[in-house]
Amino acid sequence: MKVMTAREAKNRFGEFLDASRREPVVITKNDRPVGIMVSIEDAADTLLPEFLLDKTPGYDGWLFEKVTATLERLDAGQTTLHAHDEAMALLRERVAARNRRA
């Protein structure tokens, strides 16, 4: 991961943009990290777009209830955790099945 000072990023903005297209670039000020620049392509693979999009009214409450219920089932031993790769595979299968029905 590349690191640039805020001054370097400002003075060499083109290079800063090019670097961020190749890998995340951490921006520092006074030797402390203050931000990170990632390409649109990299950001699309994260939860970042979810934070930037307007949500349907009530979405946050619905999500909070779902997470709370899942944590309660986990504490009660009614469900188990999956490894990340396994969880992602299961999620992809569910999304694909839902898309086939639609």
Protein backbone atom coordinates (compact mmCIF):
# COMPACT_ATOMS: atom_id res chain seq x y z
CA MET A 1 0.00 0.00 0.00
CA LYS A 2 1.39 3.38 -1.01
CA VAL A 3 1.65 6.23 1.51
CA MET A 4 1.71 9.92 0.57
CA THR A 5 1.66 13.05 2.66
CA ALA A 6 -1.23 15.44 2.14
CA ARG A 7 1.21 17.93 0.63
CA GLU A 8 2.56 15.33 -1.83
CA ALA A 9 -0.97 14.35 -2.82
CA LYS A 10 -1.85 18.01 -3.43
CA ASN A 11 1.32 18.89 -5.32
CA ARG A 12 1.39 15.68 -7.39
CA PHE A 13 -2.34 15.12 -7.77
CA GLY A 14 -2.08 13.32 -11.13
CA GLU A 15 0.43 10.85 -9.71
CA PHE A 16 -1.78 10.47 -6.63
CA LEU A 17 -4.77 9.57 -8.82
CA ASP A 18 -2.74 7.14 -10.93
CA ALA A 19 -1.35 5.45 -7.81
CA SER A 20 -4.85 5.06 -6.34
CA ARG A 21 -5.95 3.23 -9.49
CA ARG A 22 -3.24 0.63 -8.87
CA GLU A 23 -3.57 0.26 -5.09
CA PRO A 24 -5.05 2.05 -2.06
CA VAL A 25 -3.08 5.16 -1.08
CA VAL A 26 -2.92 6.22 2.56
CA ILE A 27 -2.75 9.99 3.10
CA THR A 28 -0.82 11.24 6.12
CA LYS A 29 -0.62 14.60 7.82
CA ASN A 30 1.93 15.24 10.56
CA ASP A 31 3.03 11.60 10.18
CA ARG A 32 -0.45 10.30 11.05
CA PRO A 33 -2.85 8.58 8.64
CA VAL A 34 -5.84 10.83 7.95
CA GLY A 35 -7.44 9.27 4.90
CA ILE A 36 -7.30 6.68 2.19
CA MET A 37 -7.92 6.92 -1.53
CA VAL A 38 -9.17 3.88 -3.42
CA SER A 39 -10.22 3.55 -7.02
CA ILE A 40 -13.88 3.32 -7.96
CA GLU A 41 -13.25 -0.27 -9.06
CA ASP A 42 -11.81 -1.21 -5.66
CA ALA A 43 -14.54 0.66 -3.78
CA ALA A 44 -17.23 -1.25 -5.70
CA ASP A 45 -16.02 -4.46 -4.02
CA THR A 46 -16.48 -3.02 -0.52
CA LEU A 47 -19.37 -1.82 1.63
CA LEU A 48 -18.46 1.78 0.84
CA PRO A 49 -21.17 2.23 -1.84
CA GLU A 50 -23.75 1.18 0.75
CA PHE A 51 -22.77 4.12 2.95
CA LEU A 52 -23.06 6.56 0.07
CA LEU A 53 -26.40 5.45 -1.36
CA ASP A 54 -29.77 6.62 -0.13
CA LYS A 55 -31.57 3.82 1.62
CA THR A 56 -35.22 2.92 1.59
CA PRO A 57 -36.98 4.43 4.62
CA GLY A 58 -36.91 1.93 7.48
CA TYR A 59 -33.92 0.05 6.07
CA ASP A 60 -31.63 0.80 9.02
CA GLY A 61 -34.24 -0.43 11.51
CA TRP A 62 -34.88 -3.58 9.47
CA LEU A 63 -31.14 -4.30 9.26
CA PHE A 64 -30.66 -3.70 12.99
CA GLU A 65 -33.49 -6.17 13.76
CA LYS A 66 -31.99 -8.80 11.43
CA VAL A 67 -28.52 -8.50 12.97
CA THR A 68 -29.92 -8.54 16.50
CA ALA A 69 -32.01 -11.65 15.78
CA THR A 70 -29.02 -13.42 14.23
CA LEU A 71 -26.81 -12.61 17.23
CA GLU A 72 -29.52 -13.90 19.58
CA ARG A 73 -29.77 -17.18 17.57
CA LEU A 74 -25.98 -17.48 17.70
CA ASP A 75 -25.91 -16.93 21.49
CA ALA A 76 -28.67 -19.50 21.93
CA GLY A 77 -26.74 -22.08 19.88
CA GLN A 78 -29.42 -22.18 17.19
CA THR A 79 -26.98 -21.29 14.41
CA THR A 80 -23.24 -21.39 13.79
CA LEU A 81 -20.67 -19.11 12.23
CA HIS A 82 -19.14 -19.87 8.84
CA ALA A 83 -15.66 -19.12 7.58
CA HIS A 84 -15.56 -16.04 5.32
CA ASP A 85 -15.12 -17.97 2.06
CA GLU A 86 -17.93 -20.36 2.95
CA ALA A 87 -20.24 -17.52 3.99
CA MET A 88 -19.56 -15.66 0.73
CA ALA A 89 -20.25 -18.81 -1.30
CA LEU A 90 -23.54 -19.35 0.54
CA LEU A 91 -24.48 -15.71 -0.01
CA ARG A 92 -23.70 -15.92 -3.73
CA GLU A 93 -25.86 -19.06 -4.00
CA ARG A 94 -28.79 -17.33 -2.28
CA VAL A 95 -28.51 -14.25 -4.49
CA ALA A 96 -28.29 -16.38 -7.63
CA ALA A 97 -31.35 -18.39 -6.56
CA ARG A 98 -33.30 -15.19 -5.87
CA ASN A 99 -32.29 -13.78 -9.27
CA ARG A 100 -33.47 -16.97 -11.00
CA ARG A 101 -36.87 -16.65 -9.34
CA ALA A 102 -37.23 -12.98 -10.31
